[in-house]
């Protein structure tokens, strides 16, 4: 579920400068926020000069307003139509008690309007505001260009990106993840620290796989919810050739899993996808995981909880579905290309054309093909790529991450399952970092470019160690 961005807005003011700059600046700014679908919370013109914040009294009023909306505000925008008062701006934040991302913006001056009655000096005032935020210990963001007109495409892009940063931070600090089953015993790589996640606001709810399987086994094949879920699966992808008994098994599991997630407000899951499911359910649940991820409730394989965190962060940053992949194969001798692979639980929107449900040939070789129906076979077409991985470094007692961007490419690939060929500049350096820093072989991917959003959100505001790969 995507939440609407609500920004607390502080219009900075200083009485040396004409009030008309604040009045006009407010109108320009509010028009842009409305265009981008961002809800502002700011003082009314009746509360202060054009609803600006200049004095201690203004700061108290604005802070009280922010406090009224504290459960809704996901970020703060400090905008300076003129030099502004740096103390009033930071006092507002301190009094409000909000701990949310902050963006500092300044209006530009016109070279032909530098007379006392028209000049802004926001260029200088922005530096003073940032200095005060730094003194008070508040993390903050700034526009890449020092000053920007609100109506410019560059500012709209900056504001849209900041909105995504707010979404990531708010989402992660309130995240409730579900760990379904124990990790596969062979995979130490998916170990993680619940306590380190909880320290960042991420809660993990657990359930034994037997509880889901037991409840699923009690549902009749003709149960209305089971039949409805079978219909949803068949509408979601091509199931020709898949035994009906396999679809019923998946459907029963999906109905019970949905109930558990709804009861605990779970936003993302990590599921023990082998080999208990094949032995005790007689099916793979990859398609169910794909459907959840497509519905913006990401689901990770092999009880990779920090993999689910990575998926959720990417989803929040991009506003689109994400997937969990293996860094899997070389692509010939091309240093900047490789193959991404998984049995098959990526969101449907990742594939070109209508993907097919199949059995898992690797798992089926030891568990029986008839017990592994439910994987999705298909390929990701050419387009933008972002990747990310969050990991709990228990040896050092911290959370760390890497993020980066590249492209999906259409180079030839003859294999099965869910697969993609990608190109990442400096890929060998990235892989060196992954190996030397002890990251997992799983990563999350998105069909978007949002590396800058994740770097800012995870590093500046979540306080995690972040490596952004530039190639």
Protein backbone atom coordinates (compact mmCIF):
# COMPACT_ATOMS: atom_id res chain seq x y z
CA UNK A 1 0.00 0.00 0.00
CA UNK A 2 1.39 3.39 -1.00
CA UNK A 3 0.80 6.28 1.39
CA UNK A 4 0.18 9.86 0.28
CA UNK A 5 3.06 12.27 0.90
CA UNK A 6 2.20 14.88 3.52
CA UNK A 7 4.84 17.58 4.05
CA UNK A 8 5.11 20.04 6.88
CA UNK A 9 6.07 23.28 5.11
CA UNK A 10 8.14 26.02 6.73
CA UNK A 11 8.17 29.24 4.73
CA UNK A 12 11.25 31.08 5.93
CA UNK A 13 11.05 34.86 6.30
CA UNK A 14 13.14 37.78 7.52
CA UNK A 15 11.65 41.21 8.08
CA UNK A 16 14.42 43.03 6.17
CA UNK A 17 12.81 41.75 2.98
CA UNK A 18 9.44 42.68 1.43
CA UNK A 19 6.39 40.62 2.40
CA UNK A 20 5.38 40.41 -1.25
CA UNK A 21 8.15 37.86 -1.86
CA UNK A 22 6.61 35.55 0.76
CA UNK A 23 3.08 35.95 -0.58
CA UNK A 24 4.10 35.23 -4.16
CA UNK A 25 6.47 32.45 -3.11
CA UNK A 26 3.75 30.72 -1.13
CA UNK A 27 1.43 30.71 -4.13
CA UNK A 28 4.13 29.33 -6.44
CA UNK A 29 5.09 26.59 -4.01
CA UNK A 30 1.56 25.49 -3.22
CA UNK A 31 0.74 25.24 -6.93
CA UNK A 32 3.64 22.83 -7.45
CA UNK A 33 2.74 20.72 -4.40
CA UNK A 34 -0.82 20.44 -5.69
CA UNK A 35 0.42 19.44 -9.15
CA UNK A 36 2.53 16.64 -7.64
CA UNK A 37 -0.26 15.40 -5.36
CA UNK A 38 1.61 16.35 -2.18
CA UNK A 39 -0.47 17.57 0.75
CA UNK A 40 1.05 20.58 2.59
CA UNK A 41 0.65 21.39 6.26
CA UNK A 42 1.61 25.03 6.90
CA UNK A 43 0.54 28.15 8.74
CA UNK A 44 -2.36 30.15 7.40
CA UNK A 45 -1.72 33.74 6.28
CA UNK A 46 -3.88 34.79 9.21
CA UNK A 47 -1.42 33.18 11.64
CA UNK A 48 1.68 35.13 10.55
CA UNK A 49 3.03 37.17 7.66
CA UNK A 50 1.74 35.20 4.65
CA UNK A 51 1.87 32.07 6.82
CA UNK A 52 5.66 32.30 7.15
CA UNK A 53 7.90 31.42 10.09
CA UNK A 54 10.15 34.21 11.31
CA UNK A 55 9.84 34.65 15.06
CA UNK A 56 9.80 32.46 18.16
CA UNK A 57 6.02 32.90 18.30
CA UNK A 58 5.72 31.81 14.68
CA UNK A 59 7.86 28.76 15.44
CA UNK A 60 5.62 27.76 18.34
CA UNK A 61 2.49 28.11 16.21
CA UNK A 62 3.95 26.10 13.36
CA UNK A 63 5.31 23.42 15.69
CA UNK A 64 1.89 23.06 17.33
CA UNK A 65 0.31 22.66 13.88
CA UNK A 66 2.86 20.01 12.93
CA UNK A 67 2.22 18.21 16.20
CA UNK A 68 -1.50 18.01 15.39
CA UNK A 69 -0.61 16.21 12.16
CA UNK A 70 2.43 14.27 13.38
CA UNK A 71 0.97 10.87 12.47
CA UNK A 72 0.42 12.05 8.88
CA UNK A 73 3.48 14.18 8.17
CA UNK A 74 6.18 12.15 6.39
CA UNK A 75 8.65 14.96 5.69
CA UNK A 76 9.41 18.65 6.14
CA UNK A 77 10.10 21.19 3.40
CA UNK A 78 11.91 24.38 4.40
CA UNK A 79 11.44 26.83 1.53
CA UNK A 80 13.10 30.25 1.48
CA UNK A 81 11.48 32.91 -0.72
CA UNK A 82 13.99 35.25 0.96
CA UNK A 83 16.92 34.90 3.36
CA UNK A 84 14.69 33.47 6.07
CA UNK A 85 15.31 33.13 9.77
CA UNK A 86 17.45 30.06 10.44
CA UNK A 87 16.65 29.97 14.18
CA UNK A 88 12.90 30.04 13.65
CA UNK A 89 13.09 27.24 11.10
CA UNK A 90 15.11 24.88 13.27
CA UNK A 91 13.16 25.85 16.42
CA UNK A 92 9.97 24.79 14.67
CA UNK A 93 11.39 21.34 14.01
CA UNK A 94 12.77 21.01 17.51
CA UNK A 95 9.50 22.04 19.16
CA UNK A 96 7.45 19.74 16.94
CA UNK A 97 9.49 16.71 17.96
CA UNK A 98 9.25 15.32 14.42
CA UNK A 99 12.01 13.01 13.19
CA UNK A 100 11.34 12.95 9.47
CA UNK A 101 13.33 13.75 6.33
CA UNK A 102 13.95 17.47 5.71
CA UNK A 103 14.46 19.19 2.35
CA UNK A 104 15.93 22.72 2.21
CA UNK A 105 15.00 24.81 -0.83
CA UNK A 106 15.88 28.39 -1.80
CA UNK A 107 14.37 30.70 -4.42
CA UNK A 108 16.81 32.27 -6.92
CA UNK A 109 17.40 36.00 -7.33
CA UNK A 110 17.01 37.82 -10.65
CA UNK A 111 20.03 39.84 -11.74
CA UNK A 112 17.76 42.76 -12.61
CA UNK A 113 15.96 42.63 -9.25
CA UNK A 114 18.69 43.14 -6.63
CA UNK A 115 17.37 46.41 -5.25
CA UNK A 116 16.34 46.36 -1.54
CA UNK A 117 12.65 46.15 -2.41
CA UNK A 118 13.04 43.08 -4.66
CA UNK A 119 16.10 41.09 -3.61
CA UNK A 120 15.80 37.70 -1.88
CA UNK A 121 19.26 36.63 -0.68
CA UNK A 122 17.88 33.11 -0.22
CA UNK A 123 21.14 31.87 -1.79
CA UNK A 124 22.89 32.92 1.44
CA UNK A 125 20.02 32.11 3.79
CA UNK A 126 19.98 28.48 2.69
CA UNK A 127 23.55 28.04 3.88
CA UNK A 128 22.62 29.48 7.28
CA UNK A 129 19.60 27.19 7.64
CA UNK A 130 21.71 24.15 6.78
CA UNK A 131 24.36 25.27 9.27
CA UNK A 132 21.74 25.38 12.03
CA UNK A 133 20.28 21.99 11.10
CA UNK A 134 23.79 20.55 11.25
CA UNK A 135 24.41 22.14 14.67
CA UNK A 136 21.20 20.64 16.03
CA UNK A 137 22.05 17.22 14.64
CA UNK A 138 19.20 16.94 12.15
CA UNK A 139 19.88 14.97 8.96
CA UNK A 140 18.64 16.89 5.93
CA UNK A 141 18.58 16.95 2.15
CA UNK A 142 19.28 19.79 -0.27
CA UNK A 143 18.50 20.37 -3.92
CA UNK A 144 21.38 19.56 -6.28
CA UNK A 145 21.26 23.08 -7.72
CA UNK A 146 21.61 25.57 -4.88
CA UNK A 147 18.57 27.66 -5.85
CA UNK A 148 15.56 26.66 -7.95
CA UNK A 149 12.31 28.24 -9.03
CA UNK A 150 9.39 26.14 -7.73
CA UNK A 151 7.83 25.89 -11.17
CA UNK A 152 11.01 24.61 -12.83
CA UNK A 153 11.21 20.98 -14.02
CA UNK A 154 14.36 20.53 -11.92
CA UNK A 155 12.57 21.48 -8.68
CA UNK A 156 9.60 19.28 -9.48
CA UNK A 157 11.98 16.37 -10.03
CA UNK A 158 13.77 17.12 -6.76
CA UNK A 159 10.50 17.30 -4.87
CA UNK A 160 9.23 14.06 -6.42
CA UNK A 161 12.48 12.34 -5.45
CA UNK A 162 12.26 13.72 -1.90
CA UNK A 163 8.70 12.41 -1.71
CA UNK A 164 10.05 8.91 -2.48
CA UNK A 165 12.75 9.34 0.19
CA UNK A 166 10.00 10.17 2.69
CA UNK A 167 8.05 7.09 1.58
CA UNK A 168 11.05 4.81 2.13
CA UNK A 169 11.85 6.20 5.57
CA UNK A 170 8.25 6.22 6.77
CA UNK A 171 7.60 2.76 5.37
CA UNK A 172 10.67 1.13 6.88
CA UNK A 173 10.27 2.77 10.29
CA UNK A 174 6.76 1.31 10.53
CA UNK A 175 7.32 -1.95 8.67
CA UNK A 176 5.83 -5.25 9.86
CA UNK A 177 7.37 -8.25 8.11
CA UNK A 178 6.30 -11.88 8.26
CA UNK A 179 8.76 -14.77 8.49
CA UNK A 180 6.90 -17.90 7.41
CA UNK A 181 8.75 -21.03 8.48
CA UNK A 182 12.40 -21.62 9.32
CA UNK A 183 15.16 -20.83 6.85
CA UNK A 184 16.40 -23.80 4.81
CA UNK A 185 19.05 -25.49 6.91
CA UNK A 186 21.53 -25.37 4.03
CA UNK A 187 21.32 -21.56 3.82
CA UNK A 188 23.31 -19.82 6.53
CA UNK A 189 23.37 -16.91 4.10
CA UNK A 190 19.82 -15.93 5.06
CA UNK A 191 20.60 -15.51 8.74
CA UNK A 192 19.76 -12.07 10.11
CA UNK A 193 19.32 -10.09 13.33
CA UNK A 194 15.75 -9.32 14.38
CA UNK A 195 17.10 -7.02 17.09
CA UNK A 196 19.04 -4.83 14.66
CA UNK A 197 15.97 -4.55 12.44
CA UNK A 198 13.79 -3.67 15.42
CA UNK A 199 16.26 -0.92 16.36
CA UNK A 200 15.37 0.71 13.03
CA UNK A 201 11.64 0.26 13.60
CA UNK A 202 11.22 -2.92 11.53
CA UNK A 203 9.24 -5.60 13.35
CA UNK A 204 9.29 -9.27 12.37
CA UNK A 205 6.30 -11.51 13.05
CA UNK A 206 6.88 -15.25 12.83
CA UNK A 207 4.74 -18.30 12.18
CA UNK A 208 5.66 -21.95 11.99
CA UNK A 209 5.08 -23.38 8.54
CA UNK A 210 3.12 -26.24 10.08
CA UNK A 211 0.47 -23.78 11.31
CA UNK A 212 -0.18 -22.57 7.77
CA UNK A 213 -0.04 -26.08 6.29
CA UNK A 214 -2.30 -27.50 9.00
CA UNK A 215 -5.00 -24.88 8.48
CA UNK A 216 -4.70 -25.16 4.70
CA UNK A 217 -5.21 -28.93 4.90
CA UNK A 218 -8.56 -28.42 6.62
CA UNK A 219 -10.01 -26.37 3.75
CA UNK A 220 -12.21 -28.28 1.33
CA UNK A 221 -11.50 -28.15 -2.38
CA UNK A 222 -14.97 -26.71 -2.98
CA UNK A 223 -14.57 -23.95 -0.37
CA UNK A 224 -15.69 -20.68 -1.98
CA UNK A 225 -12.48 -18.86 -1.07
CA UNK A 226 -10.34 -21.71 -2.40
CA UNK A 227 -12.21 -21.78 -5.71
CA UNK A 228 -11.93 -18.00 -5.98
CA UNK A 229 -8.18 -18.19 -5.40
CA UNK A 230 -7.79 -20.84 -8.08
CA UNK A 231 -9.61 -18.53 -10.50
CA UNK A 232 -7.30 -15.65 -9.55
CA UNK A 233 -4.23 -17.81 -10.20
CA UNK A 234 -5.54 -18.92 -13.58
CA UNK A 235 -6.30 -15.32 -14.55
CA UNK A 236 -2.85 -14.20 -13.41
CA UNK A 237 -0.78 -16.38 -15.76
CA UNK A 238 -0.94 -19.31 -18.15
CA UNK A 239 -1.55 -22.53 -16.19
CA UNK A 240 -2.04 -24.87 -19.15
CA UNK A 241 -0.64 -28.31 -18.36
CA UNK A 242 -0.54 -27.72 -14.60
CA UNK A 243 -2.41 -30.43 -12.62
CA UNK A 244 -5.56 -29.10 -10.96
CA UNK A 245 -4.52 -30.66 -7.67
CA UNK A 246 -1.43 -28.42 -7.62
CA UNK A 247 -3.57 -25.31 -8.13
CA UNK A 248 -5.86 -26.36 -5.28
CA UNK A 249 -2.90 -26.88 -2.96
CA UNK A 250 -1.55 -23.43 -3.75
CA UNK A 251 -4.97 -21.87 -3.33
CA UNK A 252 -5.55 -23.38 0.12
CA UNK A 253 -2.12 -22.22 1.26
CA UNK A 254 -2.77 -18.73 -0.12
CA UNK A 255 -6.11 -18.35 1.67
CA UNK A 256 -4.61 -19.21 5.06
CA UNK A 257 -1.52 -17.08 4.50
CA UNK A 258 -3.70 -14.09 3.60
CA UNK A 259 -5.68 -14.48 6.82
CA UNK A 260 -2.50 -14.55 8.91
CA UNK A 261 -1.05 -11.49 7.16
CA UNK A 262 -4.24 -9.48 7.51
CA UNK A 263 -4.60 -10.35 11.19
CA UNK A 264 -1.11 -8.98 11.92
CA UNK A 265 -0.97 -6.13 9.34
CA UNK A 266 1.97 -7.72 7.54
CA UNK A 267 3.37 -5.65 4.64
CA UNK A 268 6.00 -8.09 3.30
CA UNK A 269 6.89 -11.74 3.79
CA UNK A 270 9.80 -14.14 3.60
CA UNK A 271 8.71 -17.76 3.09
CA UNK A 272 10.45 -21.11 3.50
CA UNK A 273 9.96 -22.09 -0.12
CA UNK A 274 11.87 -25.43 0.03
CA UNK A 275 11.84 -28.22 0.82
CA UNK A 276 9.08 -28.55 3.41
CA UNK A 277 6.46 -27.14 1.03
CA UNK A 278 7.23 -29.72 -1.61
CA UNK A 279 7.25 -32.55 0.93
CA UNK A 280 4.18 -31.49 2.93
CA UNK A 281 2.08 -29.38 0.55
CA UNK A 282 3.12 -30.94 -2.74
CA UNK A 283 3.56 -27.64 -4.60
CA UNK A 284 5.70 -24.52 -4.91
CA UNK A 285 4.15 -21.24 -3.79
CA UNK A 286 6.20 -19.06 -6.16
CA UNK A 287 3.07 -17.89 -8.01
CA UNK A 288 1.44 -16.80 -4.75
CA UNK A 289 4.59 -14.86 -3.87
CA UNK A 290 4.59 -13.28 -7.32
CA UNK A 291 0.98 -12.20 -6.89
CA UNK A 292 1.73 -10.62 -3.53
CA UNK A 293 4.75 -8.76 -4.90
CA UNK A 294 2.74 -7.54 -7.89
CA UNK A 295 0.18 -6.25 -5.40
CA UNK A 296 2.91 -4.25 -3.58
CA UNK A 297 3.23 -6.74 -0.72
CA UNK A 298 6.71 -8.09 -1.54
CA UNK A 299 7.51 -11.72 -0.79
CA UNK A 300 11.05 -13.12 -0.57
CA UNK A 301 12.34 -16.66 -0.94
CA UNK A 302 14.08 -18.91 1.59
CA UNK A 303 13.00 -16.89 4.66
CA UNK A 304 15.36 -14.13 3.54
CA UNK A 305 13.91 -11.48 5.82
CA UNK A 306 16.53 -8.83 5.01
CA UNK A 307 15.90 -9.70 1.37
CA UNK A 308 12.25 -8.78 1.98
CA UNK A 309 13.45 -5.53 3.57
CA UNK A 310 15.48 -4.87 0.41
CA UNK A 311 12.44 -5.55 -1.78
CA UNK A 312 10.21 -3.33 0.35
CA UNK A 313 12.74 -0.47 0.29
CA UNK A 314 13.01 -0.69 -3.51
CA UNK A 315 9.24 -0.78 -3.85
CA UNK A 316 8.84 2.30 -1.66
CA UNK A 317 11.59 4.12 -3.59
CA UNK A 318 10.13 3.37 -7.01
CA UNK A 319 6.41 3.05 -6.31
CA UNK A 320 6.50 -0.16 -8.36
CA UNK A 321 6.84 -3.90 -7.66
CA UNK A 322 10.24 -5.41 -6.82
CA UNK A 323 11.68 -8.92 -6.97
CA UNK A 324 14.33 -11.03 -5.23
CA UNK A 325 17.03 -12.57 -7.43
CA UNK A 326 20.22 -14.57 -7.33
CA UNK A 327 23.39 -13.07 -8.71
CA UNK A 328 23.69 -16.28 -10.69
CA UNK A 329 25.88 -16.61 -13.78
CA UNK A 330 28.55 -15.00 -15.91
CA UNK A 331 27.48 -13.76 -19.30
CA UNK A 332 30.32 -15.16 -21.38
CA UNK A 333 33.42 -12.99 -21.18
CA UNK A 334 31.55 -9.69 -20.82
CA UNK A 335 32.71 -8.15 -17.55
CA UNK A 336 29.79 -5.76 -17.17
CA UNK A 337 27.04 -8.32 -17.81
CA UNK A 338 25.64 -11.23 -15.83
CA UNK A 339 22.58 -13.44 -15.47
CA UNK A 340 19.99 -12.96 -12.72
CA UNK A 341 17.88 -16.02 -11.92
CA UNK A 342 15.38 -17.55 -9.54
CA UNK A 343 13.03 -20.52 -9.68
CA UNK A 344 10.22 -18.17 -10.50
CA UNK A 345 8.40 -15.81 -8.15
CA UNK A 346 8.98 -12.41 -9.76
CA UNK A 347 6.01 -10.05 -10.18
CA UNK A 348 4.11 -10.56 -13.43
CA UNK A 349 4.92 -7.02 -14.61
CA UNK A 350 8.60 -8.02 -14.83
CA UNK A 351 8.06 -10.47 -17.66
CA UNK A 352 7.64 -9.88 -21.36
CA UNK A 353 4.35 -11.29 -22.60
CA UNK A 354 2.24 -13.72 -20.58
CA UNK A 355 4.47 -15.91 -18.39
CA UNK A 356 3.83 -19.62 -17.84
CA UNK A 357 3.45 -21.67 -14.68
CA UNK A 358 5.72 -24.72 -14.68
CA UNK A 359 7.42 -27.15 -12.32
CA UNK A 360 10.88 -26.40 -10.88
CA UNK A 361 13.39 -28.65 -12.66
CA UNK A 362 16.20 -28.12 -10.13
CA UNK A 363 14.08 -28.84 -7.06
CA UNK A 364 12.13 -31.45 -8.99
CA UNK A 365 15.27 -33.47 -9.63
CA UNK A 366 15.31 -34.49 -5.96
CA UNK A 367 11.77 -33.70 -4.70
CA UNK A 368 9.78 -34.90 -7.71
CA UNK A 369 8.48 -32.70 -10.53
CA UNK A 370 4.83 -33.24 -9.54
CA UNK A 371 5.59 -31.67 -6.14
CA UNK A 372 7.15 -28.50 -7.58
CA UNK A 373 4.47 -26.97 -9.81
CA UNK A 374 3.95 -23.28 -9.14
CA UNK A 375 7.10 -21.60 -10.47
CA UNK A 376 6.91 -18.93 -13.18
CA UNK A 377 8.96 -19.17 -16.35
CA UNK A 378 9.71 -15.97 -18.23
CA UNK A 379 12.26 -13.33 -19.06
CA UNK A 380 12.64 -9.65 -18.19
CA UNK A 381 12.79 -7.43 -21.31
CA UNK A 382 15.23 -4.57 -21.85
CA UNK A 383 14.76 -1.53 -19.63
CA UNK A 384 15.98 0.31 -16.53
CA UNK A 385 17.29 -1.60 -13.52
CA UNK A 386 17.86 -0.69 -9.89
CA UNK A 387 19.25 -3.20 -7.40
CA UNK A 388 19.65 -3.16 -3.64
CA UNK A 389 20.61 -5.36 -0.73
CA UNK A 390 20.14 -4.75 2.99
CA UNK A 391 22.05 -6.95 5.41
CA UNK A 392 22.45 -7.16 9.18
CA UNK A 393 26.17 -7.19 9.98
CA UNK A 394 26.04 -8.96 13.33
CA UNK A 395 29.81 -9.00 13.73
CA UNK A 396 29.78 -5.20 13.78
CA UNK A 397 26.29 -4.64 15.18
CA UNK A 398 24.90 -2.57 12.30
CA UNK A 399 22.71 -2.64 9.23
CA UNK A 400 24.39 -2.06 5.89
CA UNK A 401 23.32 -1.91 2.28
CA UNK A 402 24.45 -1.47 -1.28
CA UNK A 403 22.43 0.12 -4.08
CA UNK A 404 23.03 0.79 -7.74
CA UNK A 405 21.61 1.04 -11.22
CA UNK A 406 22.06 -0.56 -14.62
CA UNK A 407 19.94 -1.95 -17.41
CA UNK A 408 18.14 -5.12 -18.38
CA UNK A 409 19.29 -6.13 -21.86
CA UNK A 410 17.87 -8.42 -24.55
CA UNK A 411 21.06 -10.39 -25.20
CA UNK A 412 20.43 -14.08 -26.05
CA UNK A 413 19.87 -16.45 -23.10
CA UNK A 414 18.81 -20.08 -23.43
CA UNK A 415 17.70 -21.37 -20.02
CA UNK A 416 14.62 -21.96 -17.85
CA UNK A 417 12.92 -20.34 -14.86
CA UNK A 418 12.73 -16.62 -14.21
CA UNK A 419 15.76 -15.00 -15.77
CA UNK A 420 17.31 -11.76 -16.94
CA UNK A 421 20.51 -10.50 -18.48
CA UNK A 422 21.71 -7.22 -16.99
CA UNK A 423 24.46 -4.73 -17.70
CA UNK A 424 26.01 -2.78 -14.82
CA UNK A 425 29.01 -0.51 -15.38
CA UNK A 426 31.89 -1.69 -13.19
CA UNK A 427 30.09 -4.95 -12.37
CA UNK A 428 33.30 -6.70 -11.32
CA UNK A 429 34.00 -3.99 -8.74
CA UNK A 430 30.45 -4.36 -7.42
CA UNK A 431 30.85 -8.12 -7.10
CA UNK A 432 34.17 -7.59 -5.34
CA UNK A 433 32.41 -5.33 -2.82
CA UNK A 434 29.60 -7.86 -2.32
CA UNK A 435 32.06 -10.67 -1.64
CA UNK A 436 34.55 -8.74 0.50
CA UNK A 437 31.81 -7.19 2.65
CA UNK A 438 30.05 -10.52 3.24
CA UNK A 439 26.74 -9.74 1.56
CA UNK A 440 24.23 -12.44 0.60
CA UNK A 441 23.89 -13.94 -2.88
CA UNK A 442 20.35 -12.54 -3.04
CA UNK A 443 19.55 -8.99 -4.15
CA UNK A 444 16.35 -7.09 -4.82
CA UNK A 445 15.68 -5.58 -8.23
CA UNK A 446 13.28 -3.05 -9.68
CA UNK A 447 12.42 -2.01 -13.23
CA UNK A 448 13.24 1.62 -12.45
CA UNK A 449 16.10 3.95 -11.62
CA UNK A 450 15.91 4.95 -7.96
CA UNK A 451 19.44 4.50 -6.59
CA UNK A 452 19.70 8.12 -5.44
CA UNK A 453 16.47 7.82 -3.44
CA UNK A 454 17.67 4.69 -1.64
CA UNK A 455 21.11 6.11 -0.94
CA UNK A 456 19.60 9.20 0.69
CA UNK A 457 16.85 7.36 2.57
CA UNK A 458 18.93 4.48 3.93
CA UNK A 459 22.11 6.45 4.58
CA UNK A 460 21.06 9.92 5.71
CA UNK A 461 17.83 9.04 7.52
CA UNK A 462 17.88 5.35 8.49
CA UNK A 463 21.50 5.74 9.55
CA UNK A 464 22.69 2.59 7.78
CA UNK A 465 26.04 2.15 6.07
CA UNK A 466 25.33 2.49 2.34
CA UNK A 467 27.57 1.82 -0.64
CA UNK A 468 26.20 3.29 -3.83
CA UNK A 469 27.76 1.70 -6.88
CA UNK A 470 28.52 4.16 -9.66
CA UNK A 471 30.70 1.98 -11.88
